[in-house]
C-alpha atoms as a PDB file:
ATOM      1  CA  MET A   1     -20.462   2.006  22.291  1.00  0.00           C
ATOM      2  CA  ASP A   2     -21.368   4.161  25.300  1.00  0.00           C
ATOM      3  CA  ILE A   3     -19.897   7.667  25.232  1.00  0.00           C
ATOM      4  CA  ASP A   4     -19.996  10.960  27.160  1.00  0.00           C
ATOM      5  CA  HIS A   5     -21.735  13.794  25.291  1.00  0.00           C
ATOM      6  CA  VAL A   6     -22.243  17.485  26.163  1.00  0.00           C
ATOM      7  CA  VAL A   7     -25.923  18.402  26.103  1.00  0.00           C
ATOM      8  CA  PHE A   8     -27.535  21.841  26.440  1.00  0.00           C
ATOM      9  CA  VAL A   9     -30.689  21.048  28.418  1.00  0.00           C
ATOM     10  CA  GLU A  10     -32.008  24.585  28.979  1.00  0.00           C
ATOM     11  CA  PRO A  11     -30.726  28.163  28.662  1.00  0.00           C
ATOM     12  CA  GLY A  12     -27.446  28.482  30.548  1.00  0.00           C
ATOM     13  CA  ARG A  13     -27.147  24.823  31.521  1.00  0.00           C
ATOM     14  CA  ALA A  14     -24.843  22.212  29.990  1.00  0.00           C
ATOM     15  CA  ILE A  15     -24.475  18.652  31.305  1.00  0.00           C
ATOM     16  CA  LEU A  16     -22.525  15.518  30.429  1.00  0.00           C
ATOM     17  CA  GLU A  17     -24.813  12.710  29.386  1.00  0.00           C
ATOM     18  CA  ARG A  18     -24.138   9.063  28.612  1.00  0.00           C
ATOM     19  CA  CYS A  19     -25.458   7.905  25.267  1.00  0.00           C
ATOM     20  CA  SER A  20     -24.756   5.196  22.707  1.00  0.00           C
ATOM     21  CA  ILE A  21     -23.354   5.324  19.181  1.00  0.00           C
ATOM     22  CA  GLU A  22     -22.993   2.591  16.586  1.00  0.00           C
ATOM     23  CA  ILE A  23     -21.681   2.016  13.099  1.00  0.00           C
ATOM     24  CA  GLU A  24     -24.497   1.600  10.596  1.00  0.00           C
ATOM     25  CA  LYS A  25     -22.914   2.042   7.147  1.00  0.00           C
ATOM     26  CA  LYS A  26     -19.736   0.900   5.426  1.00  0.00           C
ATOM     27  CA  ALA A  27     -18.622   4.532   5.252  1.00  0.00           C
ATOM     28  CA  HIS A  28     -18.804   4.895   9.044  1.00  0.00           C
ATOM     29  CA  CYS A  29     -15.988   4.900  11.554  1.00  0.00           C
ATOM     30  CA  VAL A  30     -15.769   5.806  15.234  1.00  0.00           C
ATOM     31  CA  ILE A  31     -13.423   8.641  16.190  1.00  0.00           C
ATOM     32  CA  GLU A  32     -12.051   8.774  19.730  1.00  0.00           C
ATOM     33  CA  HIS A  33     -11.705  12.486  20.345  1.00  0.00           C
ATOM     34  CA  GLU A  34      -8.579  14.178  21.606  1.00  0.00           C
ATOM     35  CA  TYR A  35      -9.995  17.723  21.571  1.00  0.00           C
ATOM     36  CA  THR A  36     -13.076  19.613  20.460  1.00  0.00           C
ATOM     37  CA  LEU A  37     -13.278  23.381  19.905  1.00  0.00           C
ATOM     38  CA  ILE A  38     -16.103  25.528  21.290  1.00  0.00           C
ATOM     39  CA  SER A  39     -17.577  28.187  19.027  1.00  0.00           C
ATOM     40  CA  PRO A  40     -17.739  31.475  20.991  1.00  0.00           C
ATOM     41  CA  GLY A  41     -20.464  32.717  18.630  1.00  0.00           C
ATOM     42  CA  THR A  42     -23.027  30.165  17.510  1.00  0.00           C
ATOM     43  CA  GLU A  43     -22.573  27.646  20.317  1.00  0.00           C
ATOM     44  CA  VAL A  44     -22.565  30.241  23.081  1.00  0.00           C
ATOM     45  CA  ALA A  45     -25.770  31.700  21.591  1.00  0.00           C
ATOM     46  CA  LEU A  46     -27.298  28.218  21.653  1.00  0.00           C
ATOM     47  CA  PHE A  47     -26.084  27.684  25.226  1.00  0.00           C
ATOM     48  CA  SER A  48     -27.549  30.988  26.427  1.00  0.00           C
ATOM     49  CA  GLY A  49     -30.799  30.655  24.476  1.00  0.00           C
ATOM     50  CA  THR A  50     -30.204  33.888  22.529  1.00  0.00           C
ATOM     51  CA  HIS A  51     -29.769  32.240  19.121  1.00  0.00           C
ATOM     52  CA  ILE A  52     -32.357  33.629  16.723  1.00  0.00           C
ATOM     53  CA  GLY A  53     -33.336  30.077  15.744  1.00  0.00           C
ATOM     54  CA  PHE A  54     -35.171  29.458  19.035  1.00  0.00           C
ATOM     55  CA  SER A  55     -37.953  31.830  17.995  1.00  0.00           C
ATOM     56  CA  ASP A  56     -38.029  30.782  14.342  1.00  0.00           C
ATOM     57  CA  PRO A  57     -40.212  27.777  13.428  1.00  0.00           C
ATOM     58  CA  ASP A  58     -38.208  27.367  10.217  1.00  0.00           C
ATOM     59  CA  ILE A  59     -35.085  26.482  12.242  1.00  0.00           C
ATOM     60  CA  PRO A  60     -36.214  23.328  14.063  1.00  0.00           C
ATOM     61  CA  TRP A  61     -32.755  22.206  15.227  1.00  0.00           C
ATOM     62  CA  ALA A  62     -32.431  25.142  17.653  1.00  0.00           C
ATOM     63  CA  ARG A  63     -34.402  23.443  20.428  1.00  0.00           C
ATOM     64  CA  TYR A  64     -33.537  21.937  23.801  1.00  0.00           C
ATOM     65  CA  PRO A  65     -32.195  19.410  24.589  1.00  0.00           C
ATOM     66  CA  LEU A  66     -29.432  20.167  22.101  1.00  0.00           C
ATOM     67  CA  LYS A  67     -26.191  18.287  21.420  1.00  0.00           C
ATOM     68  CA  PRO A  68     -23.625  20.840  20.243  1.00  0.00           C
ATOM     69  CA  GLY A  69     -20.539  20.224  18.141  1.00  0.00           C
ATOM     70  CA  TYR A  70     -18.335  22.380  15.961  1.00  0.00           C
ATOM     71  CA  ALA A  71     -14.967  20.797  15.300  1.00  0.00           C
ATOM     72  CA  ALA A  72     -13.197  17.707  16.622  1.00  0.00           C
ATOM     73  CA  VAL A  73      -9.862  15.991  16.211  1.00  0.00           C
ATOM     74  CA  GLY A  74      -9.176  12.394  17.153  1.00  0.00           C
ATOM     75  CA  ARG A  75      -8.196   8.919  16.003  1.00  0.00           C
ATOM     76  CA  VAL A  76     -10.130   6.129  14.336  1.00  0.00           C
ATOM     77  CA  VAL A  77     -10.759   3.354  16.861  1.00  0.00           C
ATOM     78  CA  GLU A  78     -13.373   1.359  14.957  1.00  0.00           C
ATOM     79  CA  ALA A  79     -14.244   1.209  11.259  1.00  0.00           C
ATOM     80  CA  ALA A  80     -16.798  -0.624   9.175  1.00  0.00           C
ATOM     81  CA  ASP A  81     -15.638  -3.087   6.543  1.00  0.00           C
ATOM     82  CA  GLY A  82     -14.968  -1.075   3.411  1.00  0.00           C
ATOM     83  CA  CYS A  83     -14.374   2.254   5.186  1.00  0.00           C
ATOM     84  CA  VAL A  84     -11.630   4.321   3.531  1.00  0.00           C
ATOM     85  CA  LEU A  85     -10.043   5.099   6.921  1.00  0.00           C
ATOM     86  CA  GLY A  86      -8.022   2.720   9.035  1.00  0.00           C
ATOM     87  CA  ILE A  87      -7.570   2.238  12.769  1.00  0.00           C
ATOM     88  CA  GLY A  88      -5.249   4.814  14.329  1.00  0.00           C
ATOM     89  CA  GLU A  89      -5.507   7.501  11.643  1.00  0.00           C
ATOM     90  CA  ARG A  90      -5.799  11.035  12.993  1.00  0.00           C
ATOM     91  CA  ILE A  91      -8.795  12.941  11.662  1.00  0.00           C
ATOM     92  CA  LEU A  92     -10.238  16.465  11.729  1.00  0.00           C
ATOM     93  CA  TYR A  93     -14.001  16.636  11.212  1.00  0.00           C
ATOM     94  CA  TYR A  94     -17.093  18.546  12.304  1.00  0.00           C
ATOM     95  CA  GLY A  95     -17.692  16.293  15.277  1.00  0.00           C
ATOM     96  CA  PRO A  96     -19.707  16.765  18.474  1.00  0.00           C
ATOM     97  CA  HIS A  97     -18.538  17.750  21.932  1.00  0.00           C
ATOM     98  CA  ALA A  98     -18.261  14.155  23.073  1.00  0.00           C
ATOM     99  CA  SER A  99     -15.686  11.542  23.973  1.00  0.00           C
ATOM    100  CA  HIS A 100     -16.338   9.812  20.621  1.00  0.00           C
ATOM    101  CA  GLY A 101     -18.225  10.467  17.426  1.00  0.00           C
ATOM    102  CA  VAL A 102     -19.283   8.677  14.258  1.00  0.00           C
ATOM    103  CA  LEU A 103     -17.786   9.984  11.027  1.00  0.00           C
ATOM    104  CA  ASP A 104     -19.557   9.251   7.738  1.00  0.00           C
ATOM    105  CA  THR A 105     -16.731   9.573   5.214  1.00  0.00           C
ATOM    106  CA  ASP A 106     -19.223   9.806   2.337  1.00  0.00           C
ATOM    107  CA  SER A 107     -21.369  12.688   3.575  1.00  0.00           C
ATOM    108  CA  MET A 108     -19.327  14.634   6.151  1.00  0.00           C
ATOM    109  CA  ILE A 109     -16.386  17.021   5.765  1.00  0.00           C
ATOM    110  CA  TRP A 110     -13.135  15.617   7.114  1.00  0.00           C
ATOM    111  CA  ALA A 111      -9.387  15.645   6.594  1.00  0.00           C
ATOM    112  CA  LYS A 112      -6.433  13.501   7.601  1.00  0.00           C
ATOM    113  CA  LEU A 113      -3.921  15.107   9.945  1.00  0.00           C
ATOM    114  CA  PRO A 114      -0.259  14.419  10.640  1.00  0.00           C
ATOM    115  CA  ASP A 115       0.219  11.579  13.109  1.00  0.00           C
ATOM    116  CA  VAL A 116       2.390  13.686  15.412  1.00  0.00           C
ATOM    117  CA  GLY A 117       2.382  17.208  16.773  1.00  0.00           C
ATOM    118  CA  ASP A 118      -0.065  19.556  18.455  1.00  0.00           C
ATOM    119  CA  PRO A 119      -3.552  19.152  16.923  1.00  0.00           C
ATOM    120  CA  LEU A 120      -5.051  22.345  18.387  1.00  0.00           C
ATOM    121  CA  PRO A 121      -4.176  24.698  15.481  1.00  0.00           C
ATOM    122  CA  TYR A 122      -5.914  22.417  12.985  1.00  0.00           C
ATOM    123  CA  LEU A 123      -9.258  22.852  14.743  1.00  0.00           C
ATOM    124  CA  PHE A 124      -9.355  26.492  13.610  1.00  0.00           C
ATOM    125  CA  THR A 125      -9.824  25.240  10.051  1.00  0.00           C
ATOM    126  CA  ARG A 126     -13.535  25.238  10.927  1.00  0.00           C
ATOM    127  CA  PHE A 127     -13.462  28.977  11.651  1.00  0.00           C
ATOM    128  CA  ALA A 128     -11.322  29.631   8.576  1.00  0.00           C
ATOM    129  CA  GLN A 129     -13.937  27.900   6.405  1.00  0.00           C
ATOM    130  CA  ILE A 130     -16.575  30.289   7.785  1.00  0.00           C
ATOM    131  CA  ALA A 131     -14.301  33.310   7.244  1.00  0.00           C
ATOM    132  CA  TYR A 132     -13.657  32.169   3.671  1.00  0.00           C
ATOM    133  CA  SER A 133     -17.385  32.644   2.971  1.00  0.00           C
ATOM    134  CA  ALA A 134     -16.740  36.390   2.866  1.00  0.00           C
ATOM    135  CA  VAL A 135     -14.134  35.898   0.134  1.00  0.00           C
ATOM    136  CA  VAL A 136     -16.516  33.814  -1.962  1.00  0.00           C
ATOM    137  CA  ALA A 137     -19.289  36.396  -1.466  1.00  0.00           C
ATOM    138  CA  LEU A 138     -17.272  39.260  -2.979  1.00  0.00           C
ATOM    139  CA  HIS A 139     -18.813  40.646  -6.153  1.00  0.00           C
ATOM    140  CA  ARG A 140     -15.500  42.208  -7.094  1.00  0.00           C
ATOM    141  CA  ALA A 141     -11.962  42.238  -5.753  1.00  0.00           C
ATOM    142  CA  PRO A 142     -11.571  44.882  -3.020  1.00  0.00           C
ATOM    143  CA  ARG A 143      -8.977  47.627  -2.989  1.00  0.00           C
ATOM    144  CA  ASN A 144      -9.359  48.692   0.657  1.00  0.00           C
ATOM    145  CA  ALA A 145     -11.268  46.607   3.190  1.00  0.00           C
ATOM    146  CA  ILE A 146     -12.374  46.977   6.804  1.00  0.00           C
ATOM    147  CA  VAL A 147     -13.516  44.090   9.012  1.00  0.00           C
ATOM    148  CA  TYR A 148     -15.773  44.928  11.953  1.00  0.00           C
ATOM    149  CA  GLY A 149     -15.041  42.453  14.741  1.00  0.00           C
ATOM    150  CA  ALA A 150     -11.667  40.970  15.740  1.00  0.00           C
ATOM    151  CA  GLY A 151     -12.960  37.662  17.026  1.00  0.00           C
ATOM    152  CA  ILE A 152     -11.612  34.453  15.536  1.00  0.00           C
ATOM    153  CA  VAL A 153     -13.739  34.599  12.365  1.00  0.00           C
ATOM    154  CA  GLY A 154     -13.170  38.331  11.809  1.00  0.00           C
ATOM    155  CA  ASN A 155      -9.437  37.940  12.382  1.00  0.00           C
ATOM    156  CA  LEU A 156      -9.149  35.050   9.914  1.00  0.00           C
ATOM    157  CA  CYS A 157     -11.256  36.971   7.405  1.00  0.00           C
ATOM    158  CA  ALA A 158      -8.865  39.932   7.632  1.00  0.00           C
ATOM    159  CA  GLN A 159      -5.927  37.564   7.126  1.00  0.00           C
ATOM    160  CA  LEU A 160      -7.568  36.048   4.038  1.00  0.00           C
ATOM    161  CA  PHE A 161      -8.369  39.493   2.638  1.00  0.00           C
ATOM    162  CA  SER A 162      -4.762  40.571   3.191  1.00  0.00           C
ATOM    163  CA  ALA A 163      -3.699  37.775   0.835  1.00  0.00           C
ATOM    164  CA  LEU A 164      -5.997  38.900  -1.995  1.00  0.00           C
ATOM    165  CA  PRO A 165      -4.230  40.087  -5.160  1.00  0.00           C
ATOM    166  CA  GLY A 166      -4.422  43.860  -5.575  1.00  0.00           C
ATOM    167  CA  ILE A 167      -5.433  44.617  -1.993  1.00  0.00           C
ATOM    168  CA  GLU A 168      -3.861  47.821  -0.665  1.00  0.00           C
ATOM    169  CA  GLU A 169      -5.019  48.030   2.957  1.00  0.00           C
ATOM    170  CA  VAL A 170      -7.003  45.859   5.362  1.00  0.00           C
ATOM    171  CA  GLY A 171      -8.193  47.245   8.688  1.00  0.00           C
ATOM    172  CA  ILE A 172      -9.925  45.557  11.597  1.00  0.00           C
ATOM    173  CA  LEU A 173     -12.052  47.301  14.234  1.00  0.00           C
ATOM    174  CA  ASP A 174     -12.974  46.072  17.704  1.00  0.00           C
ATOM    175  CA  LEU A 175     -13.673  47.536  21.131  1.00  0.00           C
ATOM    176  CA  SER A 176     -11.483  44.915  22.829  1.00  0.00           C
ATOM    177  CA  GLU A 177      -7.821  45.831  23.165  1.00  0.00           C
ATOM    178  CA  ARG A 178      -7.017  42.178  23.804  1.00  0.00           C
ATOM    179  CA  ARG A 179      -8.571  41.052  20.528  1.00  0.00           C
ATOM    180  CA  LEU A 180      -6.733  43.819  18.713  1.00  0.00           C
ATOM    181  CA  ALA A 181      -3.458  42.668  20.297  1.00  0.00           C
ATOM    182  CA  VAL A 182      -4.151  39.158  18.990  1.00  0.00           C
ATOM    183  CA  ALA A 183      -4.858  40.645  15.551  1.00  0.00           C
ATOM    184  CA  ALA A 184      -1.469  42.356  15.642  1.00  0.00           C
ATOM    185  CA  GLU A 185       0.170  39.027  16.605  1.00  0.00           C
ATOM    186  CA  CYS A 186      -1.486  37.515  13.554  1.00  0.00           C
ATOM    187  CA  GLY A 187       0.098  40.122  11.303  1.00  0.00           C
ATOM    188  CA  ILE A 188      -2.933  42.369  10.737  1.00  0.00           C
ATOM    189  CA  SER A 189      -1.425  45.837  10.707  1.00  0.00           C
ATOM    190  CA  GLY A 190      -4.575  47.968  10.455  1.00  0.00           C
ATOM    191  CA  ALA A 191      -6.105  47.312  13.903  1.00  0.00           C
ATOM    192  CA  SER A 192      -7.977  50.019  15.803  1.00  0.00           C
ATOM    193  CA  SER A 193     -10.299  50.363  18.772  1.00  0.00           C
ATOM    194  CA  ALA A 194     -11.667  53.632  17.390  1.00  0.00           C
ATOM    195  CA  ARG A 195     -14.509  53.481  14.897  1.00  0.00           C
ATOM    196  CA  GLU A 196     -12.374  55.085  12.236  1.00  0.00           C
ATOM    197  CA  LEU A 197      -9.224  54.347  10.274  1.00  0.00           C
ATOM    198  CA  SER A 198      -6.852  56.411   8.204  1.00  0.00           C
ATOM    199  CA  PHE A 199      -8.502  55.198   5.005  1.00  0.00           C
ATOM    200  CA  THR A 200     -11.980  54.612   3.637  1.00  0.00           C
ATOM    201  CA  ALA A 201     -13.074  51.247   2.295  1.00  0.00           C
ATOM    202  CA  ASP A 202     -14.839  50.014  -0.805  1.00  0.00           C
ATOM    203  CA  THR A 203     -15.463  46.735   1.038  1.00  0.00           C
ATOM    204  CA  ILE A 204     -16.607  46.214   4.622  1.00  0.00           C
ATOM    205  CA  VAL A 205     -17.132  42.878   6.353  1.00  0.00           C
ATOM    206  CA  GLU A 206     -19.520  42.820   9.326  1.00  0.00           C
ATOM    207  CA  ALA A 207     -18.242  39.950  11.487  1.00  0.00           C
ATOM    208  CA  THR A 208     -19.727  40.802  14.898  1.00  0.00           C
ATOM    209  CA  GLY A 209     -23.314  39.671  14.455  1.00  0.00           C
ATOM    210  CA  ALA A 210     -24.474  42.909  16.135  1.00  0.00           C
ATOM    211  CA  PRO A 211     -27.277  44.425  14.001  1.00  0.00           C
ATOM    212  CA  ALA A 212     -26.396  48.025  14.952  1.00  0.00           C
ATOM    213  CA  VAL A 213     -22.965  47.621  13.323  1.00  0.00           C
ATOM    214  CA  VAL A 214     -24.667  47.252   9.930  1.00  0.00           C
ATOM    215  CA  ASN A 215     -25.866  50.855  10.125  1.00  0.00           C
ATOM    216  CA  GLU A 216     -22.443  52.018  11.256  1.00  0.00           C
ATOM    217  CA  ALA A 217     -20.767  50.261   8.335  1.00  0.00           C
ATOM    218  CA  LEU A 218     -23.226  51.717   5.810  1.00  0.00           C
ATOM    219  CA  LYS A 219     -22.401  55.231   6.984  1.00  0.00           C
ATOM    220  CA  VAL A 220     -18.663  54.911   6.350  1.00  0.00           C
ATOM    221  CA  ILE A 221     -18.502  52.637   3.309  1.00  0.00           C
ATOM    222  CA  ASP A 222     -17.483  54.209   0.000  1.00  0.00           C
ATOM    223  CA  THR A 223     -20.069  54.983  -2.670  1.00  0.00           C
ATOM    224  CA  ARG A 224     -20.609  51.836  -4.773  1.00  0.00           C
ATOM    225  CA  GLY A 225     -19.112  49.796  -1.953  1.00  0.00           C
ATOM    226  CA  GLN A 226     -19.935  46.216  -0.991  1.00  0.00           C
ATOM    227  CA  LEU A 227     -20.986  45.288   2.542  1.00  0.00           C
ATOM    228  CA  ILE A 228     -20.478  41.599   3.355  1.00  0.00           C
ATOM    229  CA  LEU A 229     -22.608  40.243   6.226  1.00  0.00           C
ATOM    230  CA  LEU A 230     -20.414  37.482   7.664  1.00  0.00           C
ATOM    231  CA  GLY A 231     -21.540  37.526  11.293  1.00  0.00           C
ATOM    232  CA  SER A 232     -24.841  35.802  12.110  1.00  0.00           C
ATOM    233  CA  SER A 233     -27.097  38.682  13.144  1.00  0.00           C
ATOM    234  CA  ARG A 234     -28.721  38.229  16.556  1.00  0.00           C
ATOM    235  CA  GLY A 235     -31.595  40.636  15.967  1.00  0.00           C
ATOM    236  CA  THR A 236     -33.072  43.365  13.797  1.00  0.00           C
ATOM    237  CA  VAL A 237     -32.166  46.955  13.015  1.00  0.00           C
ATOM    238  CA  GLU A 238     -33.838  49.889  11.287  1.00  0.00           C
ATOM    239  CA  VAL A 239     -31.947  51.037   8.182  1.00  0.00           C
ATOM    240  CA  ASN A 240     -32.422  54.213   6.148  1.00  0.00           C
ATOM    241  CA  PHE A 241     -32.152  52.383   2.836  1.00  0.00           C
ATOM    242  CA  TYR A 242     -32.743  55.508   0.758  1.00  0.00           C
ATOM    243  CA  LYS A 243     -29.837  57.432   2.254  1.00  0.00           C
ATOM    244  CA  LEU A 244     -27.367  54.658   3.115  1.00  0.00           C
ATOM    245  CA  VAL A 245     -27.973  52.094   0.370  1.00  0.00           C
ATOM    246  CA  HIS A 246     -29.998  53.513  -2.509  1.00  0.00           C
ATOM    247  CA  ARG A 247     -28.233  56.893  -2.833  1.00  0.00           C
ATOM    248  CA  LYS A 248     -24.791  55.377  -2.181  1.00  0.00           C
ATOM    249  CA  LEU A 249     -25.292  52.489  -4.655  1.00  0.00           C
ATOM    250  CA  VAL A 250     -24.130  50.024  -1.978  1.00  0.00           C
ATOM    251  CA  SER A 251     -24.391  46.249  -2.418  1.00  0.00           C
ATOM    252  CA  ILE A 252     -25.335  44.287   0.722  1.00  0.00           C
ATOM    253  CA  ILE A 253     -24.323  40.628   0.449  1.00  0.00           C
ATOM    254  CA  GLY A 254     -25.091  37.770   2.808  1.00  0.00           C
ATOM    255  CA  ALA A 255     -22.134  35.436   3.425  1.00  0.00           C
ATOM    256  CA  HIS A 256     -23.450  32.495   5.417  1.00  0.00           C
ATOM    257  CA  GLU A 257     -21.190  29.441   5.153  1.00  0.00           C
ATOM    258  CA  THR A 258     -23.837  27.733   3.010  1.00  0.00           C
ATOM    259  CA  ILE A 259     -22.616  29.971   0.177  1.00  0.00           C
ATOM    260  CA  LEU A 260     -20.535  26.890  -0.659  1.00  0.00           C
ATOM    261  CA  PRO A 261     -20.776  24.909  -2.836  1.00  0.00           C
ATOM    262  CA  VAL A 262     -20.850  27.205  -5.867  1.00  0.00           C
ATOM    263  CA  LYS A 263     -20.523  26.442  -9.547  1.00  0.00           C
ATOM    264  CA  GLU A 264     -17.111  26.760 -11.178  1.00  0.00           C
ATOM    265  CA  SER A 265     -18.639  29.253 -13.636  1.00  0.00           C
ATOM    266  CA  ASP A 266     -19.638  31.495 -10.716  1.00  0.00           C
ATOM    267  CA  LEU A 267     -16.111  31.482  -9.307  1.00  0.00           C
ATOM    268  CA  LYS A 268     -14.754  33.003 -12.516  1.00  0.00           C
ATOM    269  CA  ASN A 269     -16.622  36.224 -11.777  1.00  0.00           C
ATOM    270  CA  ARG A 270     -15.424  36.502  -8.199  1.00  0.00           C
ATOM    271  CA  ALA A 271     -12.211  37.548  -6.464  1.00  0.00           C
ATOM    272  CA  PRO A 272      -9.131  35.605  -7.625  1.00  0.00           C
ATOM    273  CA  GLN A 273      -8.606  34.162  -4.132  1.00  0.00           C
ATOM    274  CA  ALA A 274     -12.022  32.436  -4.236  1.00  0.00           C
ATOM    275  CA  ARG A 275     -10.707  29.339  -5.896  1.00  0.00           C
ATOM    276  CA  TRP A 276     -12.380  26.588  -3.870  1.00  0.00           C
ATOM    277  CA  ALA A 277     -15.861  25.651  -5.033  1.00  0.00           C
ATOM    278  CA  SER A 278     -16.978  23.337  -2.208  1.00  0.00           C
ATOM    279  CA  GLN A 279     -16.698  23.216   1.562  1.00  0.00           C
ATOM    280  CA  GLN A 280     -14.447  20.156   1.328  1.00  0.00           C
ATOM    281  CA  GLU A 281     -12.090  21.912  -1.113  1.00  0.00           C
ATOM    282  CA  ALA A 282     -12.037  24.967   1.143  1.00  0.00           C
ATOM    283  CA  VAL A 283     -11.257  22.899   4.243  1.00  0.00           C
ATOM    284  CA  ASP A 284      -8.414  21.093   2.472  1.00  0.00           C
ATOM    285  CA  GLY A 285      -6.968  24.372   1.174  1.00  0.00           C
ATOM    286  CA  LEU A 286      -7.353  26.295   4.429  1.00  0.00           C
ATOM    287  CA  LEU A 287      -5.873  23.412   6.408  1.00  0.00           C
ATOM    288  CA  GLY A 288      -2.833  23.716   4.170  1.00  0.00           C
ATOM    289  CA  MET A 289      -2.630  27.470   4.862  1.00  0.00           C
ATOM    290  CA  ILE A 290      -2.717  26.837   8.619  1.00  0.00           C
ATOM    291  CA  THR A 291      -0.127  24.076   8.340  1.00  0.00           C
ATOM    292  CA  ASP A 292       2.382  26.210   6.440  1.00  0.00           C
ATOM    293  CA  GLY A 293       1.730  29.361   8.480  1.00  0.00           C
ATOM    294  CA  ARG A 294       0.009  31.512   5.879  1.00  0.00           C
ATOM    295  CA  LEU A 295      -2.937  31.660   8.293  1.00  0.00           C
ATOM    296  CA  ARG A 296      -1.761  32.383  11.828  1.00  0.00           C
ATOM    297  CA  VAL A 297      -3.887  30.761  14.506  1.00  0.00           C
ATOM    298  CA  ARG A 298      -1.625  30.017  17.472  1.00  0.00           C
ATOM    299  CA  PRO A 299      -2.420  33.364  19.183  1.00  0.00           C
ATOM    300  CA  PHE A 300      -6.035  32.136  19.484  1.00  0.00           C
ATOM    301  CA  ILE A 301      -5.069  29.144  21.625  1.00  0.00           C
ATOM    302  CA  GLN A 302      -5.890  30.058  25.190  1.00  0.00           C
ATOM    303  CA  THR A 303      -7.994  27.760  27.341  1.00  0.00           C
ATOM    304  CA  VAL A 304      -8.161  23.966  27.618  1.00  0.00           C
ATOM    305  CA  VAL A 305     -10.788  22.484  29.944  1.00  0.00           C
ATOM    306  CA  SER A 306     -11.907  19.026  30.984  1.00  0.00           C
ATOM    307  CA  PRO A 307     -15.426  17.777  30.151  1.00  0.00           C
ATOM    308  CA  ALA A 308     -16.409  18.443  33.776  1.00  0.00           C
ATOM    309  CA  GLU A 309     -15.484  22.117  33.324  1.00  0.00           C
ATOM    310  CA  VAL A 310     -17.590  22.756  30.202  1.00  0.00           C
ATOM    311  CA  GLN A 311     -20.400  24.554  32.078  1.00  0.00           C
ATOM    312  CA  GLN A 312     -17.956  27.082  33.537  1.00  0.00           C
ATOM    313  CA  ALA A 313     -16.111  27.472  30.235  1.00  0.00           C
ATOM    314  CA  LEU A 314     -19.335  28.339  28.417  1.00  0.00           C
ATOM    315  CA  GLN A 315     -20.292  30.733  31.198  1.00  0.00           C
ATOM    316  CA  ASN A 316     -16.913  32.467  30.839  1.00  0.00           C
ATOM    317  CA  LEU A 317     -17.349  32.787  27.083  1.00  0.00           C
ATOM    318  CA  LEU A 318     -20.811  34.262  27.644  1.00  0.00           C
ATOM    319  CA  GLU A 319     -19.943  36.699  30.428  1.00  0.00           C
ATOM    320  CA  LYS A 320     -16.374  37.659  29.451  1.00  0.00           C
ATOM    321  CA  PRO A 321     -16.295  37.489  25.634  1.00  0.00           C
ATOM    322  CA  ASN A 322     -13.351  39.867  25.368  1.00  0.00           C
ATOM    323  CA  GLU A 323     -11.176  37.690  27.604  1.00  0.00           C
ATOM    324  CA  TYR A 324     -11.724  34.314  25.941  1.00  0.00           C
ATOM    325  CA  LEU A 325     -11.066  33.243  22.351  1.00  0.00           C
ATOM    326  CA  GLY A 326      -9.959  29.676  21.642  1.00  0.00           C
ATOM    327  CA  THR A 327     -11.496  27.340  24.224  1.00  0.00           C
ATOM    328  CA  PHE A 328     -10.959  23.592  23.855  1.00  0.00           C
ATOM    329  CA  ILE A 329     -12.322  20.521  25.589  1.00  0.00           C
ATOM    330  CA  ARG A 330      -9.697  17.825  26.215  1.00  0.00           C
ATOM    331  CA  TRP A 331     -11.274  14.376  26.071  1.00  0.00           C
ATOM    332  CA  ARG A 332      -8.218  12.160  26.584  1.00  0.00           C
END
């Protein structure tokens, strides 16, 4: 089957390219996409050429030409004999920015969706799964928490932390008044544009990816606090480890999404909310939270573009990050 696929060919340039896909295994099916969701963090960094992977030989996939893809929703239009999915079923999966994609039901993460209704909210399950990494990374249940960064991932992280048993206060900090307004719409009460809140925190989540924020967080975190690095850092920073880590007895914990899967025995020693041991379990559970409204995502929905408008959409996300949050490509 010939399809249209977004390709990053060089820094700052995205094109639509015709390519072919085919079913090769009995677990394969072809998904005709309705919408895909652009990541304003990782994918924009790949589009602009600023992703740290371009200069790291140990990250070979960050090279041009690059076919991006973060989350897709669509319907099965072709399935191999023996595939567990049937023609017409609506599916959420980590598909490419393309008119169609091949889903391997054995090896990829996917979920069935209701046959009717707006599919856009379900695409944020991908971001929720990343935000959930911070919950799994906790060494102990927090009492007061602050999230630096009110983008989609930071916002969802603050919402997940607010649902933790025993939590007293959750704050979120950002320089963008618009992002803070969205946070308030999502029910996060402790939102501030100032770099201070009315309470201190034993737990801080760095969700911006800006290295300098790590130092800022270490200065304000409580003694014996835990700093969770959720945002993918885009560079390096000099840290006074003696003063800000060693003397304060602070734990610094990486929370990349590959923290899942974890062993069931490890979950017993973590926060009570961290109850899903694999990425598939997390996606199923978080999808349920979005469906029933426990995770609020509709305030993120902002921009829908055609495939021909992808270049401009990525440029907007790069140049005006405070103005754009949820940006979707409509394929049908």
